[in-house]
């Protein structure tokens, strides 16, 4: 019987292989070998390698956010400031989650197929990730605001790589938050 653990093993094997060899050298055979799985298991969960890579991207996105949750006792602004701190911390870990996301995004500039797949995942990426769901549920943020927030996060993560000084990054984030708060709805 197939389990969700099998699916997770296939996704994690994909992430490991992409981190080691890049997107171009990824094959179904390499994934199932790394995951110690079978082709039957692979095709039970995924229709093809592109489907698996999309799942790996979405898993990486949500996994990079899983350690953060909003606190009802804190204000919207305090929660967003804490989220910025979380982004700084996760970027300093040089996590594979961020690397997978940026590899996929960069591939969209080179390959029309990746771009189309990425565009098809837009709602999942921006509106349905764990942080967005909490923002909508707890603070009733507007969907347009989530799209603006996503754009800011991507740019901020790049700056987390450029700056080593956490205080500078926190200061930048707080300035961004102040502007975002004014445009919350």
N, C-alpha and C. Protein backbone atom coordinates (compact mmCIF):
# COMPACT_ATOMS: atom_id res chain seq x y z
N UNK A 1 0.84 -1.19 0.00
CA UNK A 1 0.00 0.00 0.00
C UNK A 1 0.88 1.25 0.00
N UNK A 2 0.49 2.25 -0.76
CA UNK A 2 1.23 3.51 -0.82
C UNK A 2 0.87 4.38 0.38
N UNK A 3 1.87 5.03 0.92
CA UNK A 3 1.64 5.91 2.06
C UNK A 3 2.09 7.33 1.71
N UNK A 4 1.63 8.27 2.50
CA UNK A 4 2.08 9.64 2.27
C UNK A 4 3.58 9.77 2.58
N UNK A 5 4.11 8.87 3.38
CA UNK A 5 5.54 8.87 3.65
C UNK A 5 6.31 8.55 2.37
N UNK A 6 5.77 7.68 1.56
CA UNK A 6 6.40 7.37 0.28
C UNK A 6 6.46 8.62 -0.59
N UNK A 7 5.37 9.35 -0.66
CA UNK A 7 5.34 10.59 -1.44
C UNK A 7 6.36 11.58 -0.89
N UNK A 8 6.41 11.71 0.41
CA UNK A 8 7.37 12.61 1.04
C UNK A 8 8.81 12.18 0.73
N UNK A 9 9.07 10.89 0.75
CA UNK A 9 10.42 10.39 0.43
C UNK A 9 10.80 10.74 -1.01
N UNK A 10 9.85 10.63 -1.92
CA UNK A 10 10.11 10.98 -3.32
C UNK A 10 10.39 12.48 -3.46
N UNK A 11 9.63 13.29 -2.76
CA UNK A 11 9.84 14.75 -2.80
C UNK A 11 11.19 15.10 -2.20
N UNK A 12 11.51 14.52 -1.05
CA UNK A 12 12.79 14.83 -0.41
C UNK A 12 13.97 14.35 -1.26
N UNK A 13 13.83 13.20 -1.88
CA UNK A 13 14.89 12.71 -2.77
C UNK A 13 15.08 13.68 -3.94
N UNK A 14 13.98 14.20 -4.45
CA UNK A 14 14.04 15.18 -5.54
C UNK A 14 14.79 16.42 -5.11
N UNK A 15 14.46 16.93 -3.94
CA UNK A 15 15.13 18.13 -3.42
C UNK A 15 16.63 17.86 -3.25
N UNK A 16 16.96 16.72 -2.67
CA UNK A 16 18.38 16.37 -2.46
C UNK A 16 19.12 16.29 -3.80
N UNK A 17 18.50 15.66 -4.78
CA UNK A 17 19.14 15.51 -6.09
C UNK A 17 19.28 16.86 -6.81
N UNK A 18 18.27 17.69 -6.72
CA UNK A 18 18.36 19.01 -7.34
C UNK A 18 19.48 19.82 -6.69
N UNK A 19 19.58 19.75 -5.38
CA UNK A 19 20.62 20.50 -4.67
C UNK A 19 22.01 20.00 -5.05
N UNK A 20 22.12 18.72 -5.32
CA UNK A 20 23.43 18.15 -5.64
C UNK A 20 23.78 18.28 -7.12
N UNK A 21 22.78 18.09 -8.01
CA UNK A 21 23.08 18.00 -9.44
C UNK A 21 22.36 19.04 -10.31
N UNK A 22 21.42 19.80 -9.75
CA UNK A 22 20.65 20.77 -10.53
C UNK A 22 19.38 20.17 -11.10
N UNK A 23 18.58 21.02 -11.69
CA UNK A 23 17.29 20.60 -12.25
C UNK A 23 17.44 19.76 -13.52
N UNK A 24 18.40 20.10 -14.34
CA UNK A 24 18.53 19.47 -15.65
C UNK A 24 18.86 17.98 -15.60
N UNK A 25 19.54 17.55 -14.57
CA UNK A 25 19.98 16.15 -14.51
C UNK A 25 19.03 15.26 -13.71
N UNK A 26 17.89 15.81 -13.32
CA UNK A 26 16.92 15.06 -12.54
C UNK A 26 16.17 14.09 -13.45
N UNK A 27 16.11 12.82 -13.03
CA UNK A 27 15.34 11.82 -13.77
C UNK A 27 14.49 11.01 -12.79
N UNK A 28 13.47 10.40 -13.32
CA UNK A 28 12.61 9.55 -12.48
C UNK A 28 13.43 8.42 -11.87
N UNK A 29 14.29 7.79 -12.66
CA UNK A 29 15.09 6.68 -12.14
C UNK A 29 15.99 7.11 -10.99
N UNK A 30 16.61 8.29 -11.12
CA UNK A 30 17.46 8.78 -10.03
C UNK A 30 16.65 9.05 -8.77
N UNK A 31 15.46 9.61 -8.94
CA UNK A 31 14.60 9.92 -7.79
C UNK A 31 14.17 8.64 -7.09
N UNK A 32 13.68 7.67 -7.84
CA UNK A 32 13.20 6.44 -7.17
C UNK A 32 14.35 5.67 -6.52
N UNK A 33 15.52 5.72 -7.13
CA UNK A 33 16.68 5.07 -6.51
C UNK A 33 17.04 5.77 -5.20
N UNK A 34 17.11 7.10 -5.22
CA UNK A 34 17.46 7.87 -4.01
C UNK A 34 16.41 7.68 -2.92
N UNK A 35 15.13 7.63 -3.32
CA UNK A 35 14.04 7.47 -2.35
C UNK A 35 13.83 6.02 -1.93
N UNK A 36 14.58 5.12 -2.56
CA UNK A 36 14.41 3.68 -2.32
C UNK A 36 12.95 3.29 -2.51
N UNK A 37 12.44 3.69 -3.67
CA UNK A 37 11.05 3.47 -4.00
C UNK A 37 10.95 2.72 -5.33
N UNK A 38 9.78 2.76 -5.95
CA UNK A 38 9.58 2.05 -7.22
C UNK A 38 8.89 2.98 -8.22
N UNK A 39 8.93 2.57 -9.49
CA UNK A 39 8.23 3.37 -10.52
C UNK A 39 6.74 3.38 -10.26
N UNK A 40 6.22 2.28 -9.77
CA UNK A 40 4.79 2.22 -9.44
C UNK A 40 4.42 3.25 -8.40
N UNK A 41 5.25 3.36 -7.38
CA UNK A 41 5.01 4.37 -6.34
C UNK A 41 5.10 5.77 -6.92
N UNK A 42 6.11 5.96 -7.77
CA UNK A 42 6.28 7.27 -8.38
C UNK A 42 5.01 7.66 -9.14
N UNK A 43 4.54 6.77 -10.01
CA UNK A 43 3.39 7.09 -10.85
C UNK A 43 2.07 7.08 -10.09
N UNK A 44 2.07 6.51 -8.92
CA UNK A 44 0.88 6.59 -8.07
C UNK A 44 0.68 8.04 -7.61
N UNK A 45 1.77 8.73 -7.31
CA UNK A 45 1.70 10.10 -6.79
C UNK A 45 1.90 11.19 -7.84
N UNK A 46 2.66 10.90 -8.89
CA UNK A 46 3.04 11.93 -9.85
C UNK A 46 2.83 11.42 -11.27
N UNK A 47 2.37 12.31 -12.15
CA UNK A 47 2.15 11.89 -13.53
C UNK A 47 3.43 11.92 -14.35
N UNK A 48 4.39 12.76 -13.95
CA UNK A 48 5.67 12.86 -14.66
C UNK A 48 6.67 13.63 -13.80
N UNK A 49 7.87 13.82 -14.30
CA UNK A 49 8.93 14.48 -13.54
C UNK A 49 8.58 15.95 -13.27
N UNK A 50 7.90 16.60 -14.22
CA UNK A 50 7.51 18.00 -14.01
C UNK A 50 6.52 18.12 -12.86
N UNK A 51 5.60 17.19 -12.78
CA UNK A 51 4.62 17.17 -11.69
C UNK A 51 5.34 17.03 -10.35
N UNK A 52 6.32 16.15 -10.30
CA UNK A 52 7.12 15.96 -9.09
C UNK A 52 7.89 17.24 -8.74
N UNK A 53 8.47 17.88 -9.73
CA UNK A 53 9.24 19.10 -9.44
C UNK A 53 8.33 20.22 -8.93
N UNK A 54 7.11 20.31 -9.45
CA UNK A 54 6.15 21.29 -8.94
C UNK A 54 5.85 21.00 -7.47
N UNK A 55 5.62 19.73 -7.17
CA UNK A 55 5.34 19.34 -5.79
C UNK A 55 6.54 19.64 -4.87
N UNK A 56 7.74 19.42 -5.38
CA UNK A 56 8.94 19.72 -4.60
C UNK A 56 9.05 21.22 -4.34
N UNK A 57 8.70 22.04 -5.33
CA UNK A 57 8.71 23.48 -5.15
C UNK A 57 7.70 23.88 -4.07
N UNK A 58 6.46 23.40 -4.19
CA UNK A 58 5.42 23.76 -3.22
C UNK A 58 5.75 23.24 -1.82
N UNK A 59 6.31 22.04 -1.76
CA UNK A 59 6.74 21.50 -0.47
C UNK A 59 7.83 22.39 0.14
N UNK A 60 8.79 22.79 -0.68
CA UNK A 60 9.89 23.65 -0.20
C UNK A 60 9.36 24.97 0.31
N UNK A 61 8.42 25.55 -0.42
CA UNK A 61 7.82 26.81 0.00
C UNK A 61 7.16 26.65 1.37
N UNK A 62 6.29 25.67 1.49
CA UNK A 62 5.58 25.50 2.76
C UNK A 62 6.50 25.04 3.88
N UNK A 63 7.47 24.22 3.56
CA UNK A 63 8.41 23.75 4.58
C UNK A 63 9.26 24.90 5.11
N UNK A 64 9.58 25.86 4.25
CA UNK A 64 10.38 27.01 4.70
C UNK A 64 9.58 27.90 5.64
N UNK A 65 8.26 27.77 5.63
CA UNK A 65 7.39 28.60 6.46
C UNK A 65 6.86 27.88 7.69
N UNK A 66 7.04 26.58 7.74
CA UNK A 66 6.39 25.76 8.77
C UNK A 66 6.79 26.14 10.21
N UNK A 67 7.98 26.62 10.39
CA UNK A 67 8.44 26.96 11.75
C UNK A 67 7.84 28.26 12.26
N UNK A 68 7.19 29.00 11.39
CA UNK A 68 6.63 30.28 11.79
C UNK A 68 5.11 30.20 11.90
N UNK A 69 4.59 30.77 12.96
CA UNK A 69 3.13 30.90 13.06
C UNK A 69 2.80 32.22 13.75
N UNK A 70 1.69 32.76 13.37
CA UNK A 70 1.24 34.02 13.93
C UNK A 70 0.64 33.80 15.30
N UNK A 71 0.76 34.81 16.13
CA UNK A 71 0.24 34.76 17.49
C UNK A 71 -0.94 35.72 17.61
N UNK A 72 -2.08 35.18 18.01
CA UNK A 72 -3.29 36.01 18.14
C UNK A 72 -3.13 37.14 19.15
N UNK A 73 -2.26 36.96 20.14
CA UNK A 73 -2.08 37.99 21.17
C UNK A 73 -1.24 39.17 20.68
N UNK A 74 -0.58 39.01 19.55
CA UNK A 74 0.26 40.09 19.01
C UNK A 74 -0.51 40.84 17.93
N UNK A 75 -0.13 42.08 17.74
CA UNK A 75 -0.75 42.87 16.69
C UNK A 75 -0.29 42.37 15.32
N UNK A 76 -1.01 42.79 14.31
CA UNK A 76 -0.66 42.46 12.94
C UNK A 76 0.78 42.90 12.66
N UNK A 77 1.12 44.12 13.03
CA UNK A 77 2.46 44.66 12.77
C UNK A 77 3.54 43.86 13.51
N UNK A 78 3.29 43.50 14.75
CA UNK A 78 4.27 42.70 15.50
C UNK A 78 4.50 41.34 14.83
N UNK A 79 3.41 40.72 14.38
CA UNK A 79 3.53 39.43 13.70
C UNK A 79 4.32 39.54 12.40
N UNK A 80 4.06 40.58 11.65
CA UNK A 80 4.78 40.76 10.39
C UNK A 80 6.26 41.06 10.66
N UNK A 81 6.55 41.83 11.70
CA UNK A 81 7.95 42.07 12.07
C UNK A 81 8.64 40.76 12.46
N UNK A 82 7.96 39.92 13.21
CA UNK A 82 8.53 38.62 13.58
C UNK A 82 8.73 37.73 12.35
N UNK A 83 7.84 37.85 11.39
CA UNK A 83 8.00 37.07 10.16
C UNK A 83 9.28 37.50 9.43
N UNK A 84 9.57 38.78 9.41
CA UNK A 84 10.81 39.27 8.81
C UNK A 84 12.02 38.66 9.50
N UNK A 85 11.98 38.61 10.82
CA UNK A 85 13.06 37.99 11.58
C UNK A 85 13.19 36.50 11.18
N UNK A 86 12.06 35.84 11.02
CA UNK A 86 12.06 34.44 10.59
C UNK A 86 12.72 34.30 9.22
N UNK A 87 12.40 35.19 8.29
CA UNK A 87 13.00 35.14 6.96
C UNK A 87 14.51 35.30 7.04
N UNK A 88 14.96 36.21 7.87
CA UNK A 88 16.41 36.43 8.04
C UNK A 88 17.06 35.16 8.57
N UNK A 89 16.48 34.57 9.60
CA UNK A 89 17.05 33.38 10.21
C UNK A 89 17.10 32.20 9.23
N UNK A 90 16.01 31.99 8.50
CA UNK A 90 16.00 30.85 7.57
C UNK A 90 16.95 31.09 6.40
N UNK A 91 17.12 32.33 5.99
CA UNK A 91 18.06 32.59 4.89
C UNK A 91 19.50 32.37 5.34
N UNK A 92 19.78 32.61 6.61
CA UNK A 92 21.14 32.42 7.13
C UNK A 92 21.50 30.94 7.24
N UNK A 93 20.48 30.09 7.34
CA UNK A 93 20.72 28.65 7.40
C UNK A 93 21.11 28.10 6.04
N UNK A 94 20.98 28.94 5.01
CA UNK A 94 21.24 28.51 3.63
C UNK A 94 20.43 27.27 3.30
N UNK A 95 19.15 27.35 3.62
CA UNK A 95 18.28 26.19 3.48
C UNK A 95 18.05 25.78 2.03
N UNK A 96 17.90 24.51 1.86
CA UNK A 96 17.61 23.98 0.52
C UNK A 96 16.25 24.45 0.05
N UNK A 97 15.34 24.75 0.99
CA UNK A 97 14.01 25.22 0.59
C UNK A 97 14.10 26.49 -0.24
N UNK A 98 14.88 27.45 0.23
CA UNK A 98 15.03 28.70 -0.53
C UNK A 98 15.76 28.44 -1.84
N UNK A 99 16.75 27.60 -1.80
CA UNK A 99 17.51 27.31 -3.02
C UNK A 99 16.61 26.69 -4.08
N UNK A 100 15.78 25.75 -3.70
CA UNK A 100 14.86 25.11 -4.65
C UNK A 100 13.92 26.15 -5.24
N UNK A 101 13.39 27.02 -4.41
CA UNK A 101 12.47 28.04 -4.91
C UNK A 101 13.16 28.96 -5.91
N UNK A 102 14.36 29.42 -5.58
CA UNK A 102 15.06 30.33 -6.48
C UNK A 102 15.56 29.62 -7.75
N UNK A 103 15.93 28.35 -7.64
CA UNK A 103 16.31 27.59 -8.84
C UNK A 103 15.12 27.48 -9.79
N UNK A 104 13.97 27.18 -9.23
CA UNK A 104 12.76 27.04 -10.05
C UNK A 104 12.43 28.39 -10.71
N UNK A 105 12.47 29.46 -9.93
CA UNK A 105 12.18 30.79 -10.47
C UNK A 105 13.16 31.15 -11.58
N UNK A 106 14.46 30.89 -11.35
CA UNK A 106 15.45 31.24 -12.37
C UNK A 106 15.24 30.40 -13.64
N UNK A 107 14.79 29.18 -13.48
CA UNK A 107 14.53 28.31 -14.62
C UNK A 107 13.37 28.87 -15.47
N UNK A 108 12.45 29.58 -14.84
CA UNK A 108 11.32 30.18 -15.56
C UNK A 108 11.78 31.22 -16.58
N UNK A 109 12.93 31.84 -16.34
CA UNK A 109 13.46 32.81 -17.28
C UNK A 109 14.09 32.13 -18.50
N UNK A 110 14.43 30.85 -18.37
CA UNK A 110 15.10 30.12 -19.43
C UNK A 110 14.17 29.20 -20.22
N UNK A 111 13.12 28.74 -19.58
CA UNK A 111 12.31 27.68 -20.16
C UNK A 111 10.82 28.05 -20.06
N UNK A 112 10.18 28.18 -21.20
CA UNK A 112 8.76 28.57 -21.26
C UNK A 112 7.87 27.57 -20.53
N UNK A 113 8.22 26.27 -20.57
CA UNK A 113 7.43 25.26 -19.87
C UNK A 113 7.43 25.51 -18.36
N UNK A 114 8.60 25.80 -17.79
CA UNK A 114 8.68 26.10 -16.36
C UNK A 114 7.86 27.35 -16.04
N UNK A 115 7.96 28.34 -16.91
CA UNK A 115 7.22 29.59 -16.70
C UNK A 115 5.72 29.31 -16.65
N UNK A 116 5.22 28.52 -17.58
CA UNK A 116 3.79 28.18 -17.62
C UNK A 116 3.37 27.41 -16.37
N UNK A 117 4.21 26.46 -15.96
CA UNK A 117 3.90 25.69 -14.75
C UNK A 117 3.88 26.59 -13.52
N UNK A 118 4.86 27.49 -13.47
CA UNK A 118 4.96 28.42 -12.34
C UNK A 118 3.73 29.33 -12.29
N UNK A 119 3.33 29.83 -13.45
CA UNK A 119 2.15 30.68 -13.52
C UNK A 119 0.90 29.91 -13.09
N UNK A 120 0.82 28.64 -13.45
CA UNK A 120 -0.33 27.82 -13.07
C UNK A 120 -0.38 27.58 -11.56
N UNK A 121 0.76 27.69 -10.89
CA UNK A 121 0.83 27.47 -9.43
C UNK A 121 0.65 28.77 -8.64
N UNK A 122 0.45 29.89 -9.32
CA UNK A 122 0.42 31.20 -8.67
C UNK A 122 -0.49 31.23 -7.44
N UNK A 123 -1.70 30.74 -7.57
CA UNK A 123 -2.63 30.78 -6.45
C UNK A 123 -2.11 29.94 -5.28
N UNK A 124 -1.58 28.76 -5.57
CA UNK A 124 -1.03 27.91 -4.51
C UNK A 124 0.14 28.59 -3.81
N UNK A 125 0.98 29.25 -4.59
CA UNK A 125 2.18 29.88 -4.05
C UNK A 125 1.83 31.08 -3.17
N UNK A 126 0.96 31.92 -3.65
CA UNK A 126 0.72 33.19 -2.97
C UNK A 126 -0.45 33.14 -1.99
N UNK A 127 -1.53 32.51 -2.36
CA UNK A 127 -2.72 32.54 -1.53
C UNK A 127 -2.88 31.34 -0.60
N UNK A 128 -2.27 30.22 -0.95
CA UNK A 128 -2.55 28.99 -0.22
C UNK A 128 -1.39 28.44 0.58
N UNK A 129 -0.29 29.20 0.72
CA UNK A 129 0.79 28.72 1.58
C UNK A 129 0.37 28.90 3.03
N UNK A 130 1.09 28.29 3.94
CA UNK A 130 0.68 28.28 5.35
C UNK A 130 0.62 29.68 5.95
N UNK A 131 1.54 30.56 5.60
CA UNK A 131 1.55 31.91 6.16
C UNK A 131 0.37 32.71 5.60
N UNK A 132 0.13 32.62 4.31
CA UNK A 132 -0.99 33.35 3.71
C UNK A 132 -2.33 32.92 4.30
N UNK A 133 -2.49 31.63 4.51
CA UNK A 133 -3.74 31.14 5.11
C UNK A 133 -3.95 31.74 6.49
N UNK A 134 -2.88 31.80 7.28
CA UNK A 134 -3.00 32.39 8.61
C UNK A 134 -3.29 33.88 8.54
N UNK A 135 -2.63 34.58 7.64
CA UNK A 135 -2.88 36.01 7.48
C UNK A 135 -4.34 36.27 7.11
N UNK A 136 -4.87 35.45 6.23
CA UNK A 136 -6.27 35.61 5.83
C UNK A 136 -7.22 35.28 6.97
N UNK A 137 -6.90 34.23 7.70
CA UNK A 137 -7.79 33.78 8.78
C UNK A 137 -7.74 34.71 9.99
N UNK A 138 -6.56 35.04 10.45
CA UNK A 138 -6.42 35.82 11.68
C UNK A 138 -6.62 37.31 11.45
N UNK A 139 -6.04 37.83 10.37
CA UNK A 139 -6.03 39.28 10.16
C UNK A 139 -6.88 39.74 8.98
N UNK A 140 -7.54 38.82 8.29
CA UNK A 140 -8.43 39.14 7.18
C UNK A 140 -7.77 40.06 6.14
N UNK A 141 -6.54 39.75 5.77
CA UNK A 141 -5.86 40.56 4.76
C UNK A 141 -6.48 40.32 3.38
N UNK A 142 -6.42 41.33 2.57
CA UNK A 142 -6.92 41.30 1.21
C UNK A 142 -5.97 40.48 0.33
N UNK A 143 -6.51 39.79 -0.66
CA UNK A 143 -5.71 38.98 -1.59
C UNK A 143 -4.66 39.85 -2.29
N UNK A 144 -5.04 41.06 -2.69
CA UNK A 144 -4.09 41.96 -3.36
C UNK A 144 -2.90 42.23 -2.44
N UNK A 145 -3.14 42.35 -1.16
CA UNK A 145 -2.07 42.60 -0.20
C UNK A 145 -1.13 41.40 -0.16
N UNK A 146 -1.68 40.19 -0.24
CA UNK A 146 -0.84 38.98 -0.24
C UNK A 146 0.11 38.98 -1.44
N UNK A 147 -0.36 39.42 -2.58
CA UNK A 147 0.48 39.47 -3.78
C UNK A 147 1.61 40.49 -3.58
N UNK A 148 1.28 41.64 -2.99
CA UNK A 148 2.31 42.64 -2.71
C UNK A 148 3.32 42.07 -1.70
N UNK A 149 2.83 41.40 -0.69
CA UNK A 149 3.67 40.80 0.35
C UNK A 149 4.63 39.78 -0.26
N UNK A 150 4.12 38.96 -1.17
CA UNK A 150 4.95 37.95 -1.84
C UNK A 150 6.09 38.61 -2.61
N UNK A 151 5.79 39.66 -3.34
CA UNK A 151 6.82 40.37 -4.11
C UNK A 151 7.89 40.91 -3.17
N UNK A 152 7.47 41.46 -2.06
CA UNK A 152 8.41 42.03 -1.09
C UNK A 152 9.28 40.94 -0.47
N UNK A 153 8.68 39.81 -0.15
CA UNK A 153 9.43 38.71 0.46
C UNK A 153 10.54 38.21 -0.45
N UNK A 154 10.24 38.04 -1.73
CA UNK A 154 11.25 37.55 -2.68
C UNK A 154 12.43 38.51 -2.72
N UNK A 155 12.16 39.79 -2.85
CA UNK A 155 13.24 40.79 -2.86
C UNK A 155 14.00 40.82 -1.55
N UNK A 156 13.27 40.69 -0.45
CA UNK A 156 13.92 40.73 0.86
C UNK A 156 14.85 39.52 1.04
N UNK A 157 14.42 38.36 0.58
CA UNK A 157 15.29 37.17 0.69
C UNK A 157 16.59 37.37 -0.08
N UNK A 158 16.51 38.03 -1.22
CA UNK A 158 17.74 38.33 -1.97
C UNK A 158 18.65 39.22 -1.13
N UNK A 159 18.07 40.21 -0.48
CA UNK A 159 18.88 41.11 0.36
C UNK A 159 19.43 40.40 1.60
N UNK A 160 18.74 39.38 2.06
CA UNK A 160 19.27 38.58 3.17
C UNK A 160 20.57 37.89 2.78
N UNK A 161 20.72 37.60 1.51
CA UNK A 161 21.95 37.00 1.01
C UNK A 161 23.03 38.07 0.87
N UNK A 162 22.62 39.28 0.48
CA UNK A 162 23.56 40.36 0.24
C UNK A 162 24.13 40.98 1.52
N UNK A 163 23.34 40.98 2.59
CA UNK A 163 23.75 41.61 3.85
C UNK A 163 24.02 40.55 4.92
N UNK A 164 25.12 40.71 5.63
CA UNK A 164 25.40 39.83 6.76
C UNK A 164 24.91 40.41 8.07
N UNK A 165 24.66 41.70 8.09
CA UNK A 165 24.28 42.40 9.31
C UNK A 165 22.78 42.28 9.56
N UNK A 166 22.41 41.47 10.55
CA UNK A 166 21.01 41.24 10.86
C UNK A 166 20.29 42.52 11.28
N UNK A 167 20.99 43.41 11.97
CA UNK A 167 20.37 44.68 12.39
C UNK A 167 19.98 45.53 11.19
N UNK A 168 20.83 45.55 10.17
CA UNK A 168 20.51 46.30 8.95
C UNK A 168 19.28 45.68 8.28
N UNK A 169 19.26 44.36 8.20
CA UNK A 169 18.13 43.68 7.58
C UNK A 169 16.84 43.93 8.36
N UNK A 170 16.91 43.86 9.68
CA UNK A 170 15.71 44.11 10.49
C UNK A 170 15.22 45.54 10.31
N UNK A 171 16.14 46.48 10.21
CA UNK A 171 15.76 47.88 9.99
C UNK A 171 15.06 48.04 8.63
N UNK A 172 15.61 47.41 7.61
CA UNK A 172 14.99 47.45 6.28
C UNK A 172 13.59 46.84 6.35
N UNK A 173 13.50 45.67 6.99
CA UNK A 173 12.21 44.99 7.10
C UNK A 173 11.19 45.86 7.82
N UNK A 174 11.58 46.51 8.91
CA UNK A 174 10.64 47.34 9.67
C UNK A 174 10.15 48.53 8.84
N UNK A 175 11.02 49.08 8.01
CA UNK A 175 10.59 50.16 7.11
C UNK A 175 9.57 49.64 6.10
N UNK A 176 9.84 48.46 5.59
CA UNK A 176 8.90 47.84 4.64
C UNK A 176 7.57 47.59 5.32
N UNK A 177 7.61 47.05 6.53
CA UNK A 177 6.39 46.74 7.28
C UNK A 177 5.56 48.00 7.50
N UNK A 178 6.22 49.08 7.84
CA UNK A 178 5.49 50.33 8.07
C UNK A 178 4.72 50.75 6.82
N UNK A 179 5.33 50.58 5.67
CA UNK A 179 4.65 50.92 4.40
C UNK A 179 3.53 49.91 4.12
N UNK A 180 3.79 48.62 4.38
CA UNK A 180 2.79 47.59 4.13
C UNK A 180 1.58 47.78 5.03
N UNK A 181 1.79 48.17 6.27
CA UNK A 181 0.68 48.37 7.22
C UNK A 181 -0.25 49.45 6.70
N UNK A 182 0.31 50.49 6.11
CA UNK A 182 -0.52 51.57 5.58
C UNK A 182 -1.40 51.09 4.43
N UNK A 183 -0.97 50.02 3.75
CA UNK A 183 -1.68 49.50 2.59
C UNK A 183 -2.27 48.12 2.83
N UNK A 184 -2.61 47.80 4.07
CA UNK A 184 -3.04 46.45 4.44
C UNK A 184 -4.28 46.01 3.67
N UNK A 185 -5.18 46.88 3.40
CA UNK A 185 -6.40 46.48 2.70
C UNK A 185 -6.63 47.18 1.41
